[in-house]
């Protein structure tokens, strides 16, 4: 690193105003998680979503993890199960 005129070491990375920094997480699973949450809100009591694994953009484990993070933030409690072809999701509370 080079020293600037004031004798201080120059910054290696650029400084920006915090007001210009985007907030929130826009992870790669955002679209599928939002779609699942939208459908979960429409479920009647005793119903579950039946999601074909072939239609998921990633592994069922990664989708479950992303969904779990999103529901914890929103205070929603879900149950999940799966078989060879489907992921089942239902609202517990």
PDB file of N, CA and C in Angstrom:
ATOM      1  N   UNK A   1       0.833  -1.176   0.000  1.00  0.00           N
ATOM      2  CA  UNK A   1       0.000   0.000   0.000  1.00  0.00           C
ATOM      3  C   UNK A   1       0.883   1.247   0.000  1.00  0.00           C
ATOM      4  N   UNK A   2       0.422   2.218  -0.696  1.00  0.00           N
ATOM      5  CA  UNK A   2       1.153   3.477  -0.750  1.00  0.00           C
ATOM      6  C   UNK A   2       0.634   4.413   0.332  1.00  0.00           C
ATOM      7  N   UNK A   3       1.511   5.306   0.747  1.00  0.00           N
ATOM      8  CA  UNK A   3       1.093   6.321   1.701  1.00  0.00           C
ATOM      9  C   UNK A   3       0.580   7.533   0.947  1.00  0.00           C
ATOM     10  N   UNK A   4      -0.458   8.161   1.485  1.00  0.00           N
ATOM     11  CA  UNK A   4      -0.939   9.379   0.851  1.00  0.00           C
ATOM     12  C   UNK A   4      -0.197  10.578   1.447  1.00  0.00           C
ATOM     13  N   UNK A   5      -0.551  11.770   1.078  1.00  0.00           N
ATOM     14  CA  UNK A   5       0.181  12.972   1.482  1.00  0.00           C
ATOM     15  C   UNK A   5       0.169  13.211   2.989  1.00  0.00           C
ATOM     16  N   UNK A   6      -0.856  12.758   3.687  1.00  0.00           N
ATOM     17  CA  UNK A   6      -0.939  12.988   5.133  1.00  0.00           C
ATOM     18  C   UNK A   6      -0.119  11.996   5.927  1.00  0.00           C
ATOM     19  N   UNK A   7       0.598  11.110   5.273  1.00  0.00           N
ATOM     20  CA  UNK A   7       1.411  10.130   5.959  1.00  0.00           C
ATOM     21  C   UNK A   7       0.646   8.885   6.368  1.00  0.00           C
ATOM     22  N   UNK A   8      -0.647   8.851   6.109  1.00  0.00           N
ATOM     23  CA  UNK A   8      -1.458   7.678   6.439  1.00  0.00           C
ATOM     24  C   UNK A   8      -1.431   6.698   5.276  1.00  0.00           C
ATOM     25  N   UNK A   9      -1.589   5.444   5.597  1.00  0.00           N
ATOM     26  CA  UNK A   9      -1.646   4.431   4.557  1.00  0.00           C
ATOM     27  C   UNK A   9      -2.957   4.575   3.792  1.00  0.00           C
ATOM     28  N   UNK A  10      -2.890   4.560   2.483  1.00  0.00           N
ATOM     29  CA  UNK A  10      -4.084   4.685   1.641  1.00  0.00           C
ATOM     30  C   UNK A  10      -4.968   3.455   1.812  1.00  0.00           C
ATOM     31  N   UNK A  11      -6.240   3.663   1.648  1.00  0.00           N
ATOM     32  CA  UNK A  11      -7.190   2.559   1.751  1.00  0.00           C
ATOM     33  C   UNK A  11      -7.049   1.649   0.547  1.00  0.00           C
ATOM     34  N   UNK A  12      -7.185   0.376   0.806  1.00  0.00           N
ATOM     35  CA  UNK A  12      -7.105  -0.607  -0.269  1.00  0.00           C
ATOM     36  C   UNK A  12      -8.409  -0.672  -1.060  1.00  0.00           C
ATOM     37  N   UNK A  13      -9.531  -0.506  -0.369  1.00  0.00           N
ATOM     38  CA  UNK A  13     -10.848  -0.593  -0.999  1.00  0.00           C
ATOM     39  C   UNK A  13     -11.545   0.756  -0.949  1.00  0.00           C
ATOM     40  N   UNK A  14     -12.498   0.932  -1.827  1.00  0.00           N
ATOM     41  CA  UNK A  14     -13.240   2.176  -1.942  1.00  0.00           C
ATOM     42  C   UNK A  14     -14.207   2.337  -0.767  1.00  0.00           C
ATOM     43  N   UNK A  15     -14.355   3.548  -0.281  1.00  0.00           N
ATOM     44  CA  UNK A  15     -15.337   3.869   0.758  1.00  0.00           C
ATOM     45  C   UNK A  15     -16.601   4.396   0.093  1.00  0.00           C
ATOM     46  N   UNK A  16     -17.761   4.008   0.629  1.00  0.00           N
ATOM     47  CA  UNK A  16     -19.046   4.488   0.115  1.00  0.00           C
ATOM     48  C   UNK A  16     -19.921   4.908   1.290  1.00  0.00           C
ATOM     49  N   UNK A  17     -20.901   5.740   1.022  1.00  0.00           N
ATOM     50  CA  UNK A  17     -21.851   6.144   2.043  1.00  0.00           C
ATOM     51  C   UNK A  17     -22.771   4.974   2.377  1.00  0.00           C
ATOM     52  N   UNK A  18     -23.064   4.771   3.640  1.00  0.00           N
ATOM     53  CA  UNK A  18     -23.922   3.658   4.046  1.00  0.00           C
ATOM     54  C   UNK A  18     -25.321   3.774   3.474  1.00  0.00           C
ATOM     55  N   UNK A  19     -25.767   4.988   3.212  1.00  0.00           N
ATOM     56  CA  UNK A  19     -27.107   5.167   2.640  1.00  0.00           C
ATOM     57  C   UNK A  19     -27.198   4.615   1.222  1.00  0.00           C
ATOM     58  N   UNK A  20     -26.052   4.394   0.576  1.00  0.00           N
ATOM     59  CA  UNK A  20     -26.032   3.858  -0.790  1.00  0.00           C
ATOM     60  C   UNK A  20     -25.878   2.344  -0.840  1.00  0.00           C
ATOM     61  N   UNK A  21     -25.881   1.709   0.320  1.00  0.00           N
ATOM     62  CA  UNK A  21     -25.690   0.263   0.375  1.00  0.00           C
ATOM     63  C   UNK A  21     -27.053  -0.420   0.381  1.00  0.00           C
ATOM     64  N   UNK A  22     -27.268  -1.371  -0.527  1.00  0.00           N
ATOM     65  CA  UNK A  22     -28.546  -2.082  -0.523  1.00  0.00           C
ATOM     66  C   UNK A  22     -28.657  -2.945   0.734  1.00  0.00           C
ATOM     67  N   UNK A  23     -29.863  -3.006   1.289  1.00  0.00           N
ATOM     68  CA  UNK A  23     -30.091  -3.837   2.468  1.00  0.00           C
ATOM     69  C   UNK A  23     -30.978  -4.999   2.097  1.00  0.00           C
ATOM     70  N   UNK A  24     -30.977  -6.004   2.926  1.00  0.00           N
ATOM     71  CA  UNK A  24     -31.774  -7.191   2.657  1.00  0.00           C
ATOM     72  C   UNK A  24     -30.972  -8.184   1.859  1.00  0.00           C
ATOM     73  N   UNK A  25     -31.409  -9.410   1.947  1.00  0.00           N
ATOM     74  CA  UNK A  25     -30.708 -10.481   1.268  1.00  0.00           C
ATOM     75  C   UNK A  25     -31.505 -10.900   0.051  1.00  0.00           C
ATOM     76  N   UNK A  26     -30.902 -10.875  -1.088  1.00  0.00           N
ATOM     77  CA  UNK A  26     -31.533 -11.348  -2.310  1.00  0.00           C
ATOM     78  C   UNK A  26     -30.765 -12.572  -2.786  1.00  0.00           C
ATOM     79  N   UNK A  27     -30.923 -13.641  -2.050  1.00  0.00           N
ATOM     80  CA  UNK A  27     -30.215 -14.865  -2.372  1.00  0.00           C
ATOM     81  C   UNK A  27     -30.751 -15.521  -3.631  1.00  0.00           C
ATOM     82  N   UNK A  28     -30.060 -16.559  -4.060  1.00  0.00           N
ATOM     83  CA  UNK A  28     -30.441 -17.227  -5.306  1.00  0.00           C
ATOM     84  C   UNK A  28     -31.754 -17.993  -5.194  1.00  0.00           C
ATOM     85  N   UNK A  29     -32.244 -18.219  -3.974  1.00  0.00           N
ATOM     86  CA  UNK A  29     -33.501 -18.946  -3.792  1.00  0.00           C
ATOM     87  C   UNK A  29     -34.691 -18.028  -3.525  1.00  0.00           C
ATOM     88  N   UNK A  30     -34.477 -16.732  -3.647  1.00  0.00           N
ATOM     89  CA  UNK A  30     -35.533 -15.786  -3.289  1.00  0.00           C
ATOM     90  C   UNK A  30     -36.823 -16.020  -4.071  1.00  0.00           C
ATOM     91  N   UNK A  31     -36.737 -16.224  -5.363  1.00  0.00           N
ATOM     92  CA  UNK A  31     -37.949 -16.376  -6.185  1.00  0.00           C
ATOM     93  C   UNK A  31     -38.759 -17.601  -5.773  1.00  0.00           C
ATOM     94  N   UNK A  32     -38.109 -18.745  -5.594  1.00  0.00           N
ATOM     95  CA  UNK A  32     -38.851 -19.951  -5.231  1.00  0.00           C
ATOM     96  C   UNK A  32     -39.397 -19.839  -3.814  1.00  0.00           C
ATOM     97  N   UNK A  33     -38.645 -19.248  -2.903  1.00  0.00           N
ATOM     98  CA  UNK A  33     -39.114 -19.096  -1.524  1.00  0.00           C
ATOM     99  C   UNK A  33     -40.331 -18.183  -1.479  1.00  0.00           C
ATOM    100  N   UNK A  34     -40.296 -17.079  -2.206  1.00  0.00           N
ATOM    101  CA  UNK A  34     -41.457 -16.181  -2.238  1.00  0.00           C
ATOM    102  C   UNK A  34     -42.675 -16.871  -2.852  1.00  0.00           C
ATOM    103  N   UNK A  35     -42.467 -17.672  -3.894  1.00  0.00           N
ATOM    104  CA  UNK A  35     -43.576 -18.405  -4.513  1.00  0.00           C
ATOM    105  C   UNK A  35     -44.161 -19.424  -3.532  1.00  0.00           C
ATOM    106  N   UNK A  36     -43.303 -20.139  -2.823  1.00  0.00           N
ATOM    107  CA  UNK A  36     -43.779 -21.114  -1.834  1.00  0.00           C
ATOM    108  C   UNK A  36     -44.533 -20.428  -0.704  1.00  0.00           C
ATOM    109  N   UNK A  37     -43.987 -19.329  -0.197  1.00  0.00           N
ATOM    110  CA  UNK A  37     -44.660 -18.608   0.882  1.00  0.00           C
ATOM    111  C   UNK A  37     -46.026 -18.088   0.444  1.00  0.00           C
ATOM    112  N   UNK A  38     -46.115 -17.628  -0.780  1.00  0.00           N
ATOM    113  CA  UNK A  38     -47.392 -17.146  -1.304  1.00  0.00           C
ATOM    114  C   UNK A  38     -48.426 -18.269  -1.332  1.00  0.00           C
ATOM    115  N   UNK A  39     -48.013 -19.443  -1.801  1.00  0.00           N
ATOM    116  CA  UNK A  39     -48.935 -20.583  -1.849  1.00  0.00           C
ATOM    117  C   UNK A  39     -49.271 -21.096  -0.455  1.00  0.00           C
ATOM    118  N   UNK A  40     -48.312 -21.068   0.451  1.00  0.00           N
ATOM    119  CA  UNK A  40     -48.553 -21.531   1.824  1.00  0.00           C
ATOM    120  C   UNK A  40     -49.613 -20.673   2.494  1.00  0.00           C
ATOM    121  N   UNK A  41     -49.595 -19.376   2.228  1.00  0.00           N
ATOM    122  CA  UNK A  41     -50.597 -18.470   2.805  1.00  0.00           C
ATOM    123  C   UNK A  41     -52.010 -18.815   2.349  1.00  0.00           C
ATOM    124  N   UNK A  42     -52.143 -19.470   1.203  1.00  0.00           N
ATOM    125  CA  UNK A  42     -53.455 -19.784   0.641  1.00  0.00           C
ATOM    126  C   UNK A  42     -53.965 -21.163   1.045  1.00  0.00           C
ATOM    127  N   UNK A  43     -53.152 -21.923   1.782  1.00  0.00           N
ATOM    128  CA  UNK A  43     -53.563 -23.268   2.182  1.00  0.00           C
ATOM    129  C   UNK A  43     -54.682 -23.217   3.213  1.00  0.00           C
ATOM    130  N   UNK A  44     -55.634 -24.110   3.065  1.00  0.00           N
ATOM    131  CA  UNK A  44     -56.665 -24.283   4.083  1.00  0.00           C
ATOM    132  C   UNK A  44     -56.092 -25.150   5.199  1.00  0.00           C
ATOM    133  N   UNK A  45     -56.699 -25.083   6.355  1.00  0.00           N
ATOM    134  CA  UNK A  45     -56.250 -25.894   7.490  1.00  0.00           C
ATOM    135  C   UNK A  45     -56.272 -27.370   7.099  1.00  0.00           C
ATOM    136  N   UNK A  46     -55.196 -28.068   7.390  1.00  0.00           N
ATOM    137  CA  UNK A  46     -55.098 -29.485   7.070  1.00  0.00           C
ATOM    138  C   UNK A  46     -54.533 -29.787   5.687  1.00  0.00           C
ATOM    139  N   UNK A  47     -54.236 -28.741   4.899  1.00  0.00           N
ATOM    140  CA  UNK A  47     -53.673 -28.933   3.571  1.00  0.00           C
ATOM    141  C   UNK A  47     -52.163 -28.754   3.590  1.00  0.00           C
ATOM    142  N   UNK A  48     -51.510 -29.342   2.580  1.00  0.00           N
ATOM    143  CA  UNK A  48     -50.067 -29.199   2.395  1.00  0.00           C
ATOM    144  C   UNK A  48     -49.778 -28.953   0.923  1.00  0.00           C
ATOM    145  N   UNK A  49     -48.693 -28.247   0.666  1.00  0.00           N
ATOM    146  CA  UNK A  49     -48.234 -28.091  -0.717  1.00  0.00           C
ATOM    147  C   UNK A  49     -47.527 -29.377  -1.135  1.00  0.00           C
ATOM    148  N   UNK A  50     -47.731 -29.760  -2.363  1.00  0.00           N
ATOM    149  CA  UNK A  50     -47.054 -30.916  -2.953  1.00  0.00           C
ATOM    150  C   UNK A  50     -46.230 -30.371  -4.120  1.00  0.00           C
ATOM    151  N   UNK A  51     -44.934 -30.196  -3.879  1.00  0.00           N
ATOM    152  CA  UNK A  51     -44.049 -29.543  -4.836  1.00  0.00           C
ATOM    153  C   UNK A  51     -43.175 -30.589  -5.521  1.00  0.00           C
ATOM    154  N   UNK A  52     -43.276 -30.733  -6.839  1.00  0.00           N
ATOM    155  CA  UNK A  52     -42.412 -31.686  -7.547  1.00  0.00           C
ATOM    156  C   UNK A  52     -40.941 -31.289  -7.406  1.00  0.00           C
ATOM    157  N   UNK A  53     -40.114 -32.225  -6.998  1.00  0.00           N
ATOM    158  CA  UNK A  53     -38.685 -31.951  -6.841  1.00  0.00           C
ATOM    159  C   UNK A  53     -38.055 -31.509  -8.159  1.00  0.00           C
ATOM    160  N   UNK A  54     -38.570 -32.021  -9.265  1.00  0.00           N
ATOM    161  CA  UNK A  54     -38.030 -31.665 -10.580  1.00  0.00           C
ATOM    162  C   UNK A  54     -38.225 -30.186 -10.908  1.00  0.00           C
ATOM    163  N   UNK A  55     -39.178 -29.531 -10.237  1.00  0.00           N
ATOM    164  CA  UNK A  55     -39.442 -28.117 -10.494  1.00  0.00           C
ATOM    165  C   UNK A  55     -38.650 -27.183  -9.590  1.00  0.00           C
ATOM    166  N   UNK A  56     -37.893 -27.735  -8.651  1.00  0.00           N
ATOM    167  CA  UNK A  56     -37.094 -26.907  -7.750  1.00  0.00           C
ATOM    168  C   UNK A  56     -35.785 -26.512  -8.435  1.00  0.00           C
ATOM    169  N   UNK A  57     -35.334 -25.287  -8.231  1.00  0.00           N
ATOM    170  CA  UNK A  57     -34.107 -24.830  -8.886  1.00  0.00           C
ATOM    171  C   UNK A  57     -32.827 -25.327  -8.217  1.00  0.00           C
ATOM    172  N   UNK A  58     -32.963 -26.037  -7.095  1.00  0.00           N
ATOM    173  CA  UNK A  58     -31.808 -26.527  -6.352  1.00  0.00           C
ATOM    174  C   UNK A  58     -32.259 -27.774  -5.591  1.00  0.00           C
ATOM    175  N   UNK A  59     -31.385 -28.326  -4.793  1.00  0.00           N
ATOM    176  CA  UNK A  59     -31.727 -29.530  -4.035  1.00  0.00           C
ATOM    177  C   UNK A  59     -32.812 -29.229  -3.012  1.00  0.00           C
ATOM    178  N   UNK A  60     -33.565 -30.241  -2.635  1.00  0.00           N
ATOM    179  CA  UNK A  60     -34.621 -30.027  -1.647  1.00  0.00           C
ATOM    180  C   UNK A  60     -34.032 -29.565  -0.317  1.00  0.00           C
ATOM    181  N   UNK A  61     -32.818 -30.011   0.011  1.00  0.00           N
ATOM    182  CA  UNK A  61     -32.173 -29.595   1.248  1.00  0.00           C
ATOM    183  C   UNK A  61     -31.883 -28.091   1.241  1.00  0.00           C
ATOM    184  N   UNK A  62     -31.388 -27.591   0.121  1.00  0.00           N
ATOM    185  CA  UNK A  62     -31.085 -26.165   0.031  1.00  0.00           C
ATOM    186  C   UNK A  62     -32.349 -25.312   0.022  1.00  0.00           C
ATOM    187  N   UNK A  63     -33.395 -25.802  -0.621  1.00  0.00           N
ATOM    188  CA  UNK A  63     -34.669 -25.074  -0.631  1.00  0.00           C
ATOM    189  C   UNK A  63     -35.273 -25.076   0.764  1.00  0.00           C
ATOM    190  N   UNK A  64     -35.222 -26.213   1.447  1.00  0.00           N
ATOM    191  CA  UNK A  64     -35.718 -26.277   2.830  1.00  0.00           C
ATOM    192  C   UNK A  64     -34.975 -25.288   3.716  1.00  0.00           C
ATOM    193  N   UNK A  65     -33.669 -25.211   3.573  1.00  0.00           N
ATOM    194  CA  UNK A  65     -32.871 -24.282   4.378  1.00  0.00           C
ATOM    195  C   UNK A  65     -33.252 -22.833   4.107  1.00  0.00           C
ATOM    196  N   UNK A  66     -33.385 -22.484   2.841  1.00  0.00           N
ATOM    197  CA  UNK A  66     -33.766 -21.119   2.477  1.00  0.00           C
ATOM    198  C   UNK A  66     -35.168 -20.799   2.989  1.00  0.00           C
ATOM    199  N   UNK A  67     -36.072 -21.751   2.869  1.00  0.00           N
ATOM    200  CA  UNK A  67     -37.438 -21.563   3.348  1.00  0.00           C
ATOM    201  C   UNK A  67     -37.448 -21.421   4.864  1.00  0.00           C
ATOM    202  N   UNK A  68     -36.639 -22.202   5.544  1.00  0.00           N
ATOM    203  CA  UNK A  68     -36.550 -22.123   7.000  1.00  0.00           C
ATOM    204  C   UNK A  68     -36.055 -20.749   7.444  1.00  0.00           C
ATOM    205  N   UNK A  69     -35.030 -20.215   6.777  1.00  0.00           N
ATOM    206  CA  UNK A  69     -34.527 -18.873   7.117  1.00  0.00           C
ATOM    207  C   UNK A  69     -35.626 -17.824   6.947  1.00  0.00           C
ATOM    208  N   UNK A  70     -36.352 -17.918   5.846  1.00  0.00           N
ATOM    209  CA  UNK A  70     -37.401 -16.932   5.558  1.00  0.00           C
ATOM    210  C   UNK A  70     -38.552 -17.028   6.551  1.00  0.00           C
ATOM    211  N   UNK A  71     -38.948 -18.237   6.901  1.00  0.00           N
ATOM    212  CA  UNK A  71     -40.079 -18.387   7.823  1.00  0.00           C
ATOM    213  C   UNK A  71     -39.704 -17.998   9.249  1.00  0.00           C
ATOM    214  N   UNK A  72     -38.485 -18.227   9.645  1.00  0.00           N
ATOM    215  CA  UNK A  72     -38.039 -17.806  10.982  1.00  0.00           C
ATOM    216  C   UNK A  72     -38.090 -16.288  11.097  1.00  0.00           C
ATOM    217  N   UNK A  73     -37.710 -15.588  10.038  1.00  0.00           N
ATOM    218  CA  UNK A  73     -37.765 -14.125  10.038  1.00  0.00           C
ATOM    219  C   UNK A  73     -39.198 -13.627  10.143  1.00  0.00           C
ATOM    220  N   UNK A  74     -40.126 -14.373   9.574  1.00  0.00           N
ATOM    221  CA  UNK A  74     -41.529 -13.948   9.553  1.00  0.00           C
ATOM    222  C   UNK A  74     -42.352 -14.532  10.691  1.00  0.00           C
ATOM    223  N   UNK A  75     -41.740 -15.378  11.507  1.00  0.00           N
ATOM    224  CA  UNK A  75     -42.463 -15.988  12.622  1.00  0.00           C
ATOM    225  C   UNK A  75     -43.469 -17.041  12.198  1.00  0.00           C
ATOM    226  N   UNK A  76     -43.223 -17.705  11.085  1.00  0.00           N
ATOM    227  CA  UNK A  76     -44.105 -18.747  10.561  1.00  0.00           C
ATOM    228  C   UNK A  76     -43.487 -20.102  10.883  1.00  0.00           C
ATOM    229  N   UNK A  77     -44.309 -21.018  11.369  1.00  0.00           N
ATOM    230  CA  UNK A  77     -43.817 -22.358  11.677  1.00  0.00           C
ATOM    231  C   UNK A  77     -44.348 -23.343  10.631  1.00  0.00           C
ATOM    232  N   UNK A  78     -43.430 -24.018   9.954  1.00  0.00           N
ATOM    233  CA  UNK A  78     -43.787 -24.959   8.897  1.00  0.00           C
ATOM    234  C   UNK A  78     -43.309 -26.363   9.232  1.00  0.00           C
ATOM    235  N   UNK A  79     -43.978 -27.311   8.632  1.00  0.00           N
ATOM    236  CA  UNK A  79     -43.524 -28.689   8.644  1.00  0.00           C
ATOM    237  C   UNK A  79     -43.209 -29.091   7.213  1.00  0.00           C
ATOM    238  N   UNK A  80     -42.243 -29.982   7.058  1.00  0.00           N
ATOM    239  CA  UNK A  80     -41.912 -30.462   5.719  1.00  0.00           C
ATOM    240  C   UNK A  80     -41.673 -31.959   5.762  1.00  0.00           C
ATOM    241  N   UNK A  81     -41.873 -32.562   4.623  1.00  0.00           N
ATOM    242  CA  UNK A  81     -41.571 -33.968   4.428  1.00  0.00           C
ATOM    243  C   UNK A  81     -41.271 -34.136   2.944  1.00  0.00           C
ATOM    244  N   UNK A  82     -40.738 -35.276   2.574  1.00  0.00           N
ATOM    245  CA  UNK A  82     -40.468 -35.505   1.159  1.00  0.00           C
ATOM    246  C   UNK A  82     -40.447 -36.991   0.869  1.00  0.00           C
ATOM    247  N   UNK A  83     -40.639 -37.295  -0.401  1.00  0.00           N
ATOM    248  CA  UNK A  83     -40.445 -38.651  -0.899  1.00  0.00           C
ATOM    249  C   UNK A  83     -39.527 -38.547  -2.104  1.00  0.00           C
ATOM    250  N   UNK A  84     -39.483 -39.542  -2.924  1.00  0.00           N
ATOM    251  CA  UNK A  84     -38.561 -39.541  -4.062  1.00  0.00           C
ATOM    252  C   UNK A  84     -38.888 -38.485  -5.105  1.00  0.00           C
ATOM    253  N   UNK A  85     -40.149 -38.043  -5.152  1.00  0.00           N
ATOM    254  CA  UNK A  85     -40.569 -37.138  -6.222  1.00  0.00           C
ATOM    255  C   UNK A  85     -41.096 -35.784  -5.766  1.00  0.00           C
ATOM    256  N   UNK A  86     -41.448 -35.640  -4.484  1.00  0.00           N
ATOM    257  CA  UNK A  86     -42.111 -34.412  -4.036  1.00  0.00           C
ATOM    258  C   UNK A  86     -41.575 -33.921  -2.694  1.00  0.00           C
ATOM    259  N   UNK A  87     -41.697 -32.617  -2.517  1.00  0.00           N
ATOM    260  CA  UNK A  87     -41.471 -31.957  -1.239  1.00  0.00           C
ATOM    261  C   UNK A  87     -42.845 -31.500  -0.759  1.00  0.00           C
ATOM    262  N   UNK A  88     -43.198 -31.855   0.462  1.00  0.00           N
ATOM    263  CA  UNK A  88     -44.485 -31.488   1.046  1.00  0.00           C
ATOM    264  C   UNK A  88     -44.230 -30.441   2.120  1.00  0.00           C
ATOM    265  N   UNK A  89     -45.031 -29.387   2.101  1.00  0.00           N
ATOM    266  CA  UNK A  89     -44.855 -28.281   3.042  1.00  0.00           C
ATOM    267  C   UNK A  89     -46.223 -27.901   3.595  1.00  0.00           C
ATOM    268  N   UNK A  90     -46.314 -27.745   4.912  1.00  0.00           N
ATOM    269  CA  UNK A  90     -47.569 -27.339   5.531  1.00  0.00           C
ATOM    270  C   UNK A  90     -47.284 -26.383   6.687  1.00  0.00           C
ATOM    271  N   UNK A  91     -48.307 -25.635   7.027  1.00  0.00           N
ATOM    272  CA  UNK A  91     -48.215 -24.664   8.113  1.00  0.00           C
ATOM    273  C   UNK A  91     -48.603 -25.352   9.418  1.00  0.00           C
ATOM    274  N   UNK A  92     -47.768 -25.192  10.441  1.00  0.00           N
ATOM    275  CA  UNK A  92     -48.044 -25.798  11.733  1.00  0.00           C
ATOM    276  C   UNK A  92     -48.916 -24.883  12.581  1.00  0.00           C
ATOM    277  N   UNK A  93     -48.610 -23.594  12.574  1.00  0.00           N
ATOM    278  CA  UNK A  93     -49.385 -22.672  13.405  1.00  0.00           C
ATOM    279  C   UNK A  93     -50.238 -21.757  12.566  1.00  0.00           C
TER     280      UNK A  93
END
